[in-house]
C-alpha cells in the first residue's frame, strides 16, 4: 500500500462500518456488532486502559479486526464492495483479511 492509502485506511473503515450499520440488507446481529464496537471505541472505559503503551491500543485494534472479519463475512462481498469508499487496492486488503481470496 502507498502511504496515502495507509493514512486513509482507518477513516475508510469507519465510513464502511457506518454505512453497513445503516444498511438493512446487513443481518441485524452484524449491525448490532458495529453499533457495539462504536460504543466501545467511544467509551472512556477499555478492557486495557489506553495509557498503557501498545497494549492499550491493542485491545481496540483487536476488536476492530474481529468485527471487520465478522461483518464483512456476514454482509457479503457485494455489499462491502458497494459501501467501500477507498481504493480498490485497500478493498482487496480488507477482503483478504476477511478470508476472501
PDB file of N, CA and C in Angstrom:
ATOM      1  N   UNK A   1       0.838  -1.184   0.000  1.00  0.00           N
ATOM      2  CA  UNK A   1       0.000   0.000   0.000  1.00  0.00           C
ATOM      3  C   UNK A   1       0.879   1.242   0.000  1.00  0.00           C
ATOM      4  N   UNK A   2       0.393   2.264  -0.648  1.00  0.00           N
ATOM      5  CA  UNK A   2       1.088   3.539  -0.636  1.00  0.00           C
ATOM      6  C   UNK A   2       0.777   4.267   0.667  1.00  0.00           C
ATOM      7  N   UNK A   3       1.609   5.237   1.009  1.00  0.00           N
ATOM      8  CA  UNK A   3       1.447   5.981   2.250  1.00  0.00           C
ATOM      9  C   UNK A   3       0.082   6.652   2.340  1.00  0.00           C
ATOM     10  N   UNK A   4      -0.389   7.215   1.247  1.00  0.00           N
ATOM     11  CA  UNK A   4      -1.706   7.869   1.243  1.00  0.00           C
ATOM     12  C   UNK A   4      -2.811   6.857   1.528  1.00  0.00           C
ATOM     13  N   UNK A   5      -2.713   5.663   0.960  1.00  0.00           N
ATOM     14  CA  UNK A   5      -3.720   4.623   1.203  1.00  0.00           C
ATOM     15  C   UNK A   5      -3.723   4.186   2.662  1.00  0.00           C
ATOM     16  N   UNK A   6      -2.544   4.077   3.241  1.00  0.00           N
ATOM     17  CA  UNK A   6      -2.439   3.679   4.643  1.00  0.00           C
ATOM     18  C   UNK A   6      -3.061   4.744   5.540  1.00  0.00           C
ATOM     19  N   UNK A   7      -2.802   6.006   5.225  1.00  0.00           N
ATOM     20  CA  UNK A   7      -3.356   7.105   6.019  1.00  0.00           C
ATOM     21  C   UNK A   7      -4.877   7.155   5.917  1.00  0.00           C
ATOM     22  N   UNK A   8      -5.435   6.736   4.808  1.00  0.00           N
ATOM     23  CA  UNK A   8      -6.889   6.763   4.608  1.00  0.00           C
ATOM     24  C   UNK A   8      -7.574   5.485   5.082  1.00  0.00           C
ATOM     25  N   UNK A   9      -6.817   4.454   5.417  1.00  0.00           N
ATOM     26  CA  UNK A   9      -7.404   3.157   5.713  1.00  0.00           C
ATOM     27  C   UNK A   9      -8.358   3.202   6.915  1.00  0.00           C
ATOM     28  N   UNK A  10      -7.941   3.790   8.018  1.00  0.00           N
ATOM     29  CA  UNK A  10      -8.797   3.840   9.209  1.00  0.00           C
ATOM     30  C   UNK A  10     -10.054   4.673   8.955  1.00  0.00           C
ATOM     31  N   UNK A  11      -9.941   5.876   8.366  1.00  0.00           N
ATOM     32  CA  UNK A  11     -11.179   6.604   8.049  1.00  0.00           C
ATOM     33  C   UNK A  11     -12.084   5.844   7.075  1.00  0.00           C
ATOM     34  N   UNK A  12     -11.493   5.139   6.110  1.00  0.00           N
ATOM     35  CA  UNK A  12     -12.296   4.334   5.182  1.00  0.00           C
ATOM     36  C   UNK A  12     -13.035   3.219   5.921  1.00  0.00           C
ATOM     37  N   UNK A  13     -12.372   2.600   6.892  1.00  0.00           N
ATOM     38  CA  UNK A  13     -13.039   1.567   7.696  1.00  0.00           C
ATOM     39  C   UNK A  13     -14.194   2.164   8.491  1.00  0.00           C
ATOM     40  N   UNK A  14     -13.985   3.347   9.039  1.00  0.00           N
ATOM     41  CA  UNK A  14     -15.059   3.999   9.807  1.00  0.00           C
ATOM     42  C   UNK A  14     -16.259   4.287   8.908  1.00  0.00           C
ATOM     43  N   UNK A  15     -16.009   4.751   7.697  1.00  0.00           N
ATOM     44  CA  UNK A  15     -17.089   5.023   6.744  1.00  0.00           C
ATOM     45  C   UNK A  15     -17.790   3.719   6.366  1.00  0.00           C
ATOM     46  N   UNK A  16     -17.012   2.678   6.087  1.00  0.00           N
ATOM     47  CA  UNK A  16     -17.594   1.375   5.743  1.00  0.00           C
ATOM     48  C   UNK A  16     -18.479   0.874   6.877  1.00  0.00           C
ATOM     49  N   UNK A  17     -17.970   0.907   8.106  1.00  0.00           N
ATOM     50  CA  UNK A  17     -18.744   0.432   9.250  1.00  0.00           C
ATOM     51  C   UNK A  17     -20.024   1.241   9.406  1.00  0.00           C
ATOM     52  N   UNK A  18     -19.927   2.546   9.245  1.00  0.00           N
ATOM     53  CA  UNK A  18     -21.106   3.407   9.373  1.00  0.00           C
ATOM     54  C   UNK A  18     -22.155   3.072   8.319  1.00  0.00           C
ATOM     55  N   UNK A  19     -21.721   2.916   7.086  1.00  0.00           N
ATOM     56  CA  UNK A  19     -22.653   2.601   6.001  1.00  0.00           C
ATOM     57  C   UNK A  19     -23.294   1.230   6.192  1.00  0.00           C
ATOM     58  N   UNK A  20     -22.488   0.242   6.604  1.00  0.00           N
ATOM     59  CA  UNK A  20     -23.029  -1.106   6.809  1.00  0.00           C
ATOM     60  C   UNK A  20     -23.994  -1.143   7.990  1.00  0.00           C
ATOM     61  N   UNK A  21     -23.718  -0.351   9.022  1.00  0.00           N
ATOM     62  CA  UNK A  21     -24.599  -0.329  10.196  1.00  0.00           C
ATOM     63  C   UNK A  21     -25.976   0.222   9.854  1.00  0.00           C
ATOM     64  N   UNK A  22     -26.058   1.065   8.825  1.00  0.00           N
ATOM     65  CA  UNK A  22     -27.347   1.649   8.435  1.00  0.00           C
ATOM     66  C   UNK A  22     -28.046   0.865   7.326  1.00  0.00           C
ATOM     67  N   UNK A  23     -27.363  -0.079   6.729  1.00  0.00           N
ATOM     68  CA  UNK A  23     -27.919  -0.831   5.599  1.00  0.00           C
ATOM     69  C   UNK A  23     -28.768  -1.995   6.104  1.00  0.00           C
ATOM     70  N   UNK A  24     -30.036  -1.978   5.792  1.00  0.00           N
ATOM     71  CA  UNK A  24     -30.975  -3.012   6.263  1.00  0.00           C
ATOM     72  C   UNK A  24     -30.711  -4.382   5.626  1.00  0.00           C
ATOM     73  N   UNK A  25     -29.918  -4.434   4.576  1.00  0.00           N
ATOM     74  CA  UNK A  25     -29.594  -5.726   3.962  1.00  0.00           C
ATOM     75  C   UNK A  25     -28.568  -6.499   4.788  1.00  0.00           C
ATOM     76  N   UNK A  26     -27.871  -5.804   5.686  1.00  0.00           N
ATOM     77  CA  UNK A  26     -26.906  -6.453   6.571  1.00  0.00           C
ATOM     78  C   UNK A  26     -27.692  -7.102   7.709  1.00  0.00           C
ATOM     79  N   UNK A  27     -27.388  -8.354   8.046  1.00  0.00           N
ATOM     80  CA  UNK A  27     -28.119  -9.013   9.131  1.00  0.00           C
ATOM     81  C   UNK A  27     -28.084  -8.188  10.426  1.00  0.00           C
ATOM     82  N   UNK A  28     -29.174  -8.215  11.153  1.00  0.00           N
ATOM     83  CA  UNK A  28     -29.338  -7.392  12.353  1.00  0.00           C
ATOM     84  C   UNK A  28     -28.207  -7.618  13.365  1.00  0.00           C
ATOM     85  N   UNK A  29     -27.818  -8.868  13.582  1.00  0.00           N
ATOM     86  CA  UNK A  29     -26.760  -9.154  14.543  1.00  0.00           C
ATOM     87  C   UNK A  29     -25.457  -8.467  14.142  1.00  0.00           C
ATOM     88  N   UNK A  30     -25.152  -8.472  12.859  1.00  0.00           N
ATOM     89  CA  UNK A  30     -23.913  -7.820  12.382  1.00  0.00           C
ATOM     90  C   UNK A  30     -23.995  -6.310  12.583  1.00  0.00           C
ATOM     91  N   UNK A  31     -25.167  -5.738  12.375  1.00  0.00           N
ATOM     92  CA  UNK A  31     -25.336  -4.294  12.600  1.00  0.00           C
ATOM     93  C   UNK A  31     -25.191  -3.968  14.083  1.00  0.00           C
ATOM     94  N   UNK A  32     -25.684  -4.866  14.937  1.00  0.00           N
ATOM     95  CA  UNK A  32     -25.515  -4.666  16.378  1.00  0.00           C
ATOM     96  C   UNK A  32     -24.053  -4.748  16.786  1.00  0.00           C
ATOM     97  N   UNK A  33     -23.287  -5.631  16.151  1.00  0.00           N
ATOM     98  CA  UNK A  33     -21.842  -5.699  16.401  1.00  0.00           C
ATOM     99  C   UNK A  33     -21.208  -4.344  16.109  1.00  0.00           C
ATOM    100  N   UNK A  34     -21.571  -3.765  14.964  1.00  0.00           N
ATOM    101  CA  UNK A  34     -20.999  -2.476  14.565  1.00  0.00           C
ATOM    102  C   UNK A  34     -21.362  -1.379  15.560  1.00  0.00           C
ATOM    103  N   UNK A  35     -22.606  -1.355  15.987  1.00  0.00           N
ATOM    104  CA  UNK A  35     -23.023  -0.348  16.965  1.00  0.00           C
ATOM    105  C   UNK A  35     -22.328  -0.570  18.310  1.00  0.00           C
ATOM    106  N   UNK A  36     -22.180  -1.819  18.706  1.00  0.00           N
ATOM    107  CA  UNK A  36     -21.465  -2.130  19.943  1.00  0.00           C
ATOM    108  C   UNK A  36     -20.009  -1.715  19.877  1.00  0.00           C
ATOM    109  N   UNK A  37     -19.376  -1.952  18.732  1.00  0.00           N
ATOM    110  CA  UNK A  37     -17.983  -1.537  18.555  1.00  0.00           C
ATOM    111  C   UNK A  37     -17.863  -0.020  18.642  1.00  0.00           C
ATOM    112  N   UNK A  38     -18.765   0.685  17.983  1.00  0.00           N
ATOM    113  CA  UNK A  38     -18.730   2.157  18.028  1.00  0.00           C
ATOM    114  C   UNK A  38     -18.882   2.648  19.459  1.00  0.00           C
ATOM    115  N   UNK A  39     -19.795   2.046  20.214  1.00  0.00           N
ATOM    116  CA  UNK A  39     -19.992   2.449  21.609  1.00  0.00           C
ATOM    117  C   UNK A  39     -18.749   2.157  22.441  1.00  0.00           C
ATOM    118  N   UNK A  40     -18.137   1.003  22.221  1.00  0.00           N
ATOM    119  CA  UNK A  40     -16.925   0.640  22.963  1.00  0.00           C
ATOM    120  C   UNK A  40     -15.789   1.606  22.658  1.00  0.00           C
ATOM    121  N   UNK A  41     -15.585   1.899  21.384  1.00  0.00           N
ATOM    122  CA  UNK A  41     -14.487   2.794  20.999  1.00  0.00           C
ATOM    123  C   UNK A  41     -14.709   4.214  21.511  1.00  0.00           C
ATOM    124  N   UNK A  42     -15.960   4.639  21.600  1.00  0.00           N
ATOM    125  CA  UNK A  42     -16.267   5.985  22.090  1.00  0.00           C
ATOM    126  C   UNK A  42     -16.221   6.057  23.620  1.00  0.00           C
ATOM    127  N   UNK A  43     -16.338   4.929  24.275  1.00  0.00           N
ATOM    128  CA  UNK A  43     -16.378   4.890  25.736  1.00  0.00           C
ATOM    129  C   UNK A  43     -14.982   5.127  26.322  1.00  0.00           C
ATOM    130  N   UNK A  44     -14.913   5.840  27.435  1.00  0.00           N
ATOM    131  CA  UNK A  44     -13.610   6.027  28.089  1.00  0.00           C
ATOM    132  C   UNK A  44     -13.149   4.768  28.836  1.00  0.00           C
ATOM    133  N   UNK A  45     -14.034   3.782  28.964  1.00  0.00           N
ATOM    134  CA  UNK A  45     -13.690   2.551  29.676  1.00  0.00           C
ATOM    135  C   UNK A  45     -13.238   1.502  28.663  1.00  0.00           C
ATOM    136  N   UNK A  46     -12.045   0.960  28.869  1.00  0.00           N
ATOM    137  CA  UNK A  46     -11.478  -0.053  27.985  1.00  0.00           C
ATOM    138  C   UNK A  46     -11.129  -1.302  28.776  1.00  0.00           C
ATOM    139  N   UNK A  47     -11.014  -2.423  28.081  1.00  0.00           N
ATOM    140  CA  UNK A  47     -10.529  -3.643  28.721  1.00  0.00           C
ATOM    141  C   UNK A  47      -9.118  -3.422  29.259  1.00  0.00           C
ATOM    142  N   UNK A  48      -8.284  -2.814  28.424  1.00  0.00           N
ATOM    143  CA  UNK A  48      -6.929  -2.432  28.808  1.00  0.00           C
ATOM    144  C   UNK A  48      -6.839  -0.919  28.631  1.00  0.00           C
ATOM    145  N   UNK A  49      -6.548  -0.167  29.690  1.00  0.00           N
ATOM    146  CA  UNK A  49      -6.523   1.298  29.583  1.00  0.00           C
ATOM    147  C   UNK A  49      -5.540   1.787  28.511  1.00  0.00           C
ATOM    148  N   UNK A  50      -5.941   2.828  27.794  1.00  0.00           N
ATOM    149  CA  UNK A  50      -5.136   3.345  26.684  1.00  0.00           C
ATOM    150  C   UNK A  50      -3.807   3.943  27.127  1.00  0.00           C
ATOM    151  N   UNK A  51      -3.663   4.287  28.393  1.00  0.00           N
ATOM    152  CA  UNK A  51      -2.394   4.875  28.826  1.00  0.00           C
ATOM    153  C   UNK A  51      -1.288   3.832  28.948  1.00  0.00           C
ATOM    154  N   UNK A  52      -1.618   2.558  28.863  1.00  0.00           N
ATOM    155  CA  UNK A  52      -0.598   1.504  28.855  1.00  0.00           C
ATOM    156  C   UNK A  52      -0.071   1.393  27.429  1.00  0.00           C
ATOM    157  N   UNK A  53       1.217   1.688  27.230  1.00  0.00           N
ATOM    158  CA  UNK A  53       1.775   1.694  25.870  1.00  0.00           C
ATOM    159  C   UNK A  53       1.539   0.373  25.140  1.00  0.00           C
ATOM    160  N   UNK A  54       1.221   0.459  23.903  1.00  0.00           N
ATOM    161  CA  UNK A  54       0.986  -0.632  22.959  1.00  0.00           C
ATOM    162  C   UNK A  54      -0.241  -1.464  23.340  1.00  0.00           C
ATOM    163  N   UNK A  55      -0.264  -2.039  24.522  1.00  0.00           N
ATOM    164  CA  UNK A  55      -1.380  -2.888  24.924  1.00  0.00           C
ATOM    165  C   UNK A  55      -2.690  -2.115  25.003  1.00  0.00           C
ATOM    166  N   UNK A  56      -2.609  -0.846  25.368  1.00  0.00           N
ATOM    167  CA  UNK A  56      -3.809  -0.025  25.475  1.00  0.00           C
ATOM    168  C   UNK A  56      -4.537   0.134  24.156  1.00  0.00           C
ATOM    169  N   UNK A  57      -3.793   0.211  23.081  1.00  0.00           N
ATOM    170  CA  UNK A  57      -4.397   0.332  21.760  1.00  0.00           C
ATOM    171  C   UNK A  57      -4.651  -1.032  21.123  1.00  0.00           C
ATOM    172  N   UNK A  58      -3.958  -2.044  21.615  1.00  0.00           N
ATOM    173  CA  UNK A  58      -4.086  -3.379  21.029  1.00  0.00           C
ATOM    174  C   UNK A  58      -5.488  -3.954  21.220  1.00  0.00           C
ATOM    175  N   UNK A  59      -6.110  -3.721  22.375  1.00  0.00           N
ATOM    176  CA  UNK A  59      -7.463  -4.263  22.571  1.00  0.00           C
ATOM    177  C   UNK A  59      -8.441  -3.609  21.604  1.00  0.00           C
ATOM    178  N   UNK A  60      -8.289  -2.307  21.346  1.00  0.00           N
ATOM    179  CA  UNK A  60      -9.149  -1.628  20.370  1.00  0.00           C
ATOM    180  C   UNK A  60      -8.938  -2.206  18.971  1.00  0.00           C
ATOM    181  N   UNK A  61      -7.670  -2.368  18.599  1.00  0.00           N
ATOM    182  CA  UNK A  61      -7.353  -2.889  17.263  1.00  0.00           C
ATOM    183  C   UNK A  61      -7.872  -4.312  17.094  1.00  0.00           C
ATOM    184  N   UNK A  62      -7.765  -5.116  18.135  1.00  0.00           N
ATOM    185  CA  UNK A  62      -8.238  -6.496  18.065  1.00  0.00           C
ATOM    186  C   UNK A  62      -9.755  -6.547  17.880  1.00  0.00           C
ATOM    187  N   UNK A  63     -10.483  -5.715  18.612  1.00  0.00           N
ATOM    188  CA  UNK A  63     -11.937  -5.687  18.460  1.00  0.00           C
ATOM    189  C   UNK A  63     -12.355  -5.180  17.078  1.00  0.00           C
ATOM    190  N   UNK A  64     -11.647  -4.187  16.559  1.00  0.00           N
ATOM    191  CA  UNK A  64     -11.939  -3.703  15.204  1.00  0.00           C
ATOM    192  C   UNK A  64     -11.685  -4.821  14.198  1.00  0.00           C
ATOM    193  N   UNK A  65     -10.574  -5.531  14.345  1.00  0.00           N
ATOM    194  CA  UNK A  65     -10.229  -6.606  13.408  1.00  0.00           C
ATOM    195  C   UNK A  65     -11.260  -7.732  13.445  1.00  0.00           C
ATOM    196  N   UNK A  66     -11.662  -8.143  14.636  1.00  0.00           N
ATOM    197  CA  UNK A  66     -12.651  -9.217  14.748  1.00  0.00           C
ATOM    198  C   UNK A  66     -14.012  -8.787  14.192  1.00  0.00           C
ATOM    199  N   UNK A  67     -14.391  -7.554  14.471  1.00  0.00           N
ATOM    200  CA  UNK A  67     -15.657  -7.045  13.948  1.00  0.00           C
ATOM    201  C   UNK A  67     -15.596  -6.943  12.431  1.00  0.00           C
ATOM    202  N   UNK A  68     -14.481  -6.450  11.915  1.00  0.00           N
ATOM    203  CA  UNK A  68     -14.315  -6.344  10.464  1.00  0.00           C
ATOM    204  C   UNK A  68     -14.483  -7.708   9.810  1.00  0.00           C
ATOM    205  N   UNK A  69     -13.807  -8.693  10.334  1.00  0.00           N
ATOM    206  CA  UNK A  69     -13.882 -10.036   9.747  1.00  0.00           C
ATOM    207  C   UNK A  69     -15.312 -10.580   9.794  1.00  0.00           C
ATOM    208  N   UNK A  70     -15.970 -10.464  10.941  1.00  0.00           N
ATOM    209  CA  UNK A  70     -17.327 -10.983  11.072  1.00  0.00           C
ATOM    210  C   UNK A  70     -18.336 -10.244  10.219  1.00  0.00           C
ATOM    211  N   UNK A  71     -18.222  -8.936  10.185  1.00  0.00           N
ATOM    212  CA  UNK A  71     -19.202  -8.137   9.430  1.00  0.00           C
ATOM    213  C   UNK A  71     -19.002  -8.297   7.933  1.00  0.00           C
ATOM    214  N   UNK A  72     -17.765  -8.316   7.477  1.00  0.00           N
ATOM    215  CA  UNK A  72     -17.523  -8.493   6.043  1.00  0.00           C
ATOM    216  C   UNK A  72     -18.039  -9.844   5.592  1.00  0.00           C
ATOM    217  N   UNK A  73     -17.792 -10.869   6.377  1.00  0.00           N
ATOM    218  CA  UNK A  73     -18.300 -12.202   6.019  1.00  0.00           C
ATOM    219  C   UNK A  73     -19.819 -12.258   6.091  1.00  0.00           C
ATOM    220  N   UNK A  74     -20.415 -11.602   7.082  1.00  0.00           N
ATOM    221  CA  UNK A  74     -21.862 -11.628   7.251  1.00  0.00           C
ATOM    222  C   UNK A  74     -22.606 -10.775   6.249  1.00  0.00           C
ATOM    223  N   UNK A  75     -22.026  -9.630   5.887  1.00  0.00           N
ATOM    224  CA  UNK A  75     -22.695  -8.711   4.963  1.00  0.00           C
ATOM    225  C   UNK A  75     -22.591  -9.214   3.530  1.00  0.00           C
ATOM    226  N   UNK A  76     -21.501  -9.882   3.229  1.00  0.00           N
ATOM    227  CA  UNK A  76     -21.300 -10.382   1.876  1.00  0.00           C
ATOM    228  C   UNK A  76     -20.423  -9.466   1.050  1.00  0.00           C
ATOM    229  N   UNK A  77     -19.810 -10.058   0.091  1.00  0.00           N
ATOM    230  CA  UNK A  77     -18.837  -9.387  -0.762  1.00  0.00           C
ATOM    231  C   UNK A  77     -19.426  -8.193  -1.497  1.00  0.00           C
ATOM    232  N   UNK A  78     -20.598  -8.344  -2.080  1.00  0.00           N
ATOM    233  CA  UNK A  78     -21.177  -7.268  -2.893  1.00  0.00           C
ATOM    234  C   UNK A  78     -21.528  -6.032  -2.063  1.00  0.00           C
ATOM    235  N   UNK A  79     -22.091  -6.236  -0.879  1.00  0.00           N
ATOM    236  CA  UNK A  79     -22.424  -5.086  -0.026  1.00  0.00           C
ATOM    237  C   UNK A  79     -21.173  -4.336   0.396  1.00  0.00           C
ATOM    238  N   UNK A  80     -20.142  -5.073   0.737  1.00  0.00           N
ATOM    239  CA  UNK A  80     -18.897  -4.418   1.141  1.00  0.00           C
ATOM    240  C   UNK A  80     -18.312  -3.639  -0.031  1.00  0.00           C
ATOM    241  N   UNK A  81     -18.321  -4.234  -1.210  1.00  0.00           N
ATOM    242  CA  UNK A  81     -17.830  -3.513  -2.399  1.00  0.00           C
ATOM    243  C   UNK A  81     -18.653  -2.252  -2.664  1.00  0.00           C
ATOM    244  N   UNK A  82     -19.971  -2.352  -2.498  1.00  0.00           N
ATOM    245  CA  UNK A  82     -20.847  -1.195  -2.719  1.00  0.00           C
ATOM    246  C   UNK A  82     -20.546  -0.052  -1.764  1.00  0.00           C
ATOM    247  N   UNK A  83     -20.216  -0.378  -0.531  1.00  0.00           N
ATOM    248  CA  UNK A  83     -20.048   0.646   0.501  1.00  0.00           C
ATOM    249  C   UNK A  83     -18.603   1.098   0.709  1.00  0.00           C
ATOM    250  N   UNK A  84     -17.629   0.409   0.140  1.00  0.00           N
ATOM    251  CA  UNK A  84     -16.222   0.755   0.386  1.00  0.00           C
ATOM    252  C   UNK A  84     -15.889   2.097  -0.259  1.00  0.00           C
ATOM    253  N   UNK A  85     -15.414   3.079   0.543  1.00  0.00           N
ATOM    254  CA  UNK A  85     -15.129   4.403  -0.005  1.00  0.00           C
ATOM    255  C   UNK A  85     -13.703   4.564  -0.527  1.00  0.00           C
ATOM    256  N   UNK A  86     -12.845   3.608  -0.252  1.00  0.00           N
ATOM    257  CA  UNK A  86     -11.426   3.740  -0.593  1.00  0.00           C
ATOM    258  C   UNK A  86     -11.085   3.176  -1.954  1.00  0.00           C
ATOM    259  N   UNK A  87      -9.797   2.948  -2.130  1.00  0.00           N
ATOM    260  CA  UNK A  87      -9.290   2.434  -3.399  1.00  0.00           C
ATOM    261  C   UNK A  87      -9.555   0.936  -3.522  1.00  0.00           C
ATOM    262  N   UNK A  88      -9.467   0.446  -4.726  1.00  0.00           N
ATOM    263  CA  UNK A  88      -9.631  -0.987  -4.964  1.00  0.00           C
ATOM    264  C   UNK A  88      -8.521  -1.774  -4.269  1.00  0.00           C
ATOM    265  N   UNK A  89      -7.352  -1.200  -4.217  1.00  0.00           N
ATOM    266  CA  UNK A  89      -6.223  -1.874  -3.579  1.00  0.00           C
ATOM    267  C   UNK A  89      -6.478  -2.070  -2.087  1.00  0.00           C
ATOM    268  N   UNK A  90      -6.980  -1.035  -1.410  1.00  0.00           N
ATOM    269  CA  UNK A  90      -7.256  -1.172   0.020  1.00  0.00           C
ATOM    270  C   UNK A  90      -8.466  -2.086   0.255  1.00  0.00           C
ATOM    271  N   UNK A  91      -9.422  -2.079  -0.665  1.00  0.00           N
ATOM    272  CA  UNK A  91     -10.555  -3.004  -0.570  1.00  0.00           C
ATOM    273  C   UNK A  91     -10.067  -4.443  -0.644  1.00  0.00           C
ATOM    274  N   UNK A  92      -9.137  -4.715  -1.541  1.00  0.00           N
ATOM    275  CA  UNK A  92      -8.589  -6.080  -1.638  1.00  0.00           C
ATOM    276  C   UNK A  92      -7.926  -6.494  -0.327  1.00  0.00           C
ATOM    277  N   UNK A  93      -7.262  -5.555   0.345  1.00  0.00           N
ATOM    278  CA  UNK A  93      -6.626  -5.869   1.639  1.00  0.00           C
ATOM    279  C   UNK A  93      -7.693  -6.226   2.675  1.00  0.00           C
ATOM    280  N   UNK A  94      -8.783  -5.473   2.705  1.00  0.00           N
ATOM    281  CA  UNK A  94      -9.889  -5.751   3.637  1.00  0.00           C
ATOM    282  C   UNK A  94     -10.472  -7.125   3.347  1.00  0.00           C
ATOM    283  N   UNK A  95     -10.710  -7.417   2.092  1.00  0.00           N
ATOM    284  CA  UNK A  95     -11.320  -8.695   1.716  1.00  0.00           C
ATOM    285  C   UNK A  95     -10.380  -9.875   1.993  1.00  0.00           C
ATOM    286  N   UNK A  96      -9.091  -9.669   1.769  1.00  0.00           N
ATOM    287  CA  UNK A  96      -8.121 -10.718   2.097  1.00  0.00           C
ATOM    288  C   UNK A  96      -8.147 -11.016   3.593  1.00  0.00           C
ATOM    289  N   UNK A  97      -8.190  -9.965   4.402  1.00  0.00           N
ATOM    290  CA  UNK A  97      -8.236 -10.139   5.844  1.00  0.00           C
ATOM    291  C   UNK A  97      -9.488 -10.896   6.276  1.00  0.00           C
ATOM    292  N   UNK A  98     -10.583 -10.643   5.581  1.00  0.00           N
ATOM    293  CA  UNK A  98     -11.849 -11.294   5.921  1.00  0.00           C
ATOM    294  C   UNK A  98     -11.949 -12.709   5.365  1.00  0.00           C
ATOM    295  N   UNK A  99     -10.923 -13.163   4.650  1.00  0.00           N
ATOM    296  CA  UNK A  99     -10.905 -14.535   4.193  1.00  0.00           C
ATOM    297  C   UNK A  99     -11.288 -14.756   2.746  1.00  0.00           C
ATOM    298  N   UNK A 100     -11.494 -13.661   2.009  1.00  0.00           N
ATOM    299  CA  UNK A 100     -11.761 -13.791   0.576  1.00  0.00           C
ATOM    300  C   UNK A 100     -10.444 -13.768  -0.173  1.00  0.00           C
ATOM    301  N   UNK A 101     -10.356 -14.567  -1.225  1.00  0.00           N
ATOM    302  CA  UNK A 101      -9.101 -14.604  -1.995  1.00  0.00           C
ATOM    303  C   UNK A 101      -9.002 -13.440  -2.943  1.00  0.00           C
TER     304      UNK A 101
END
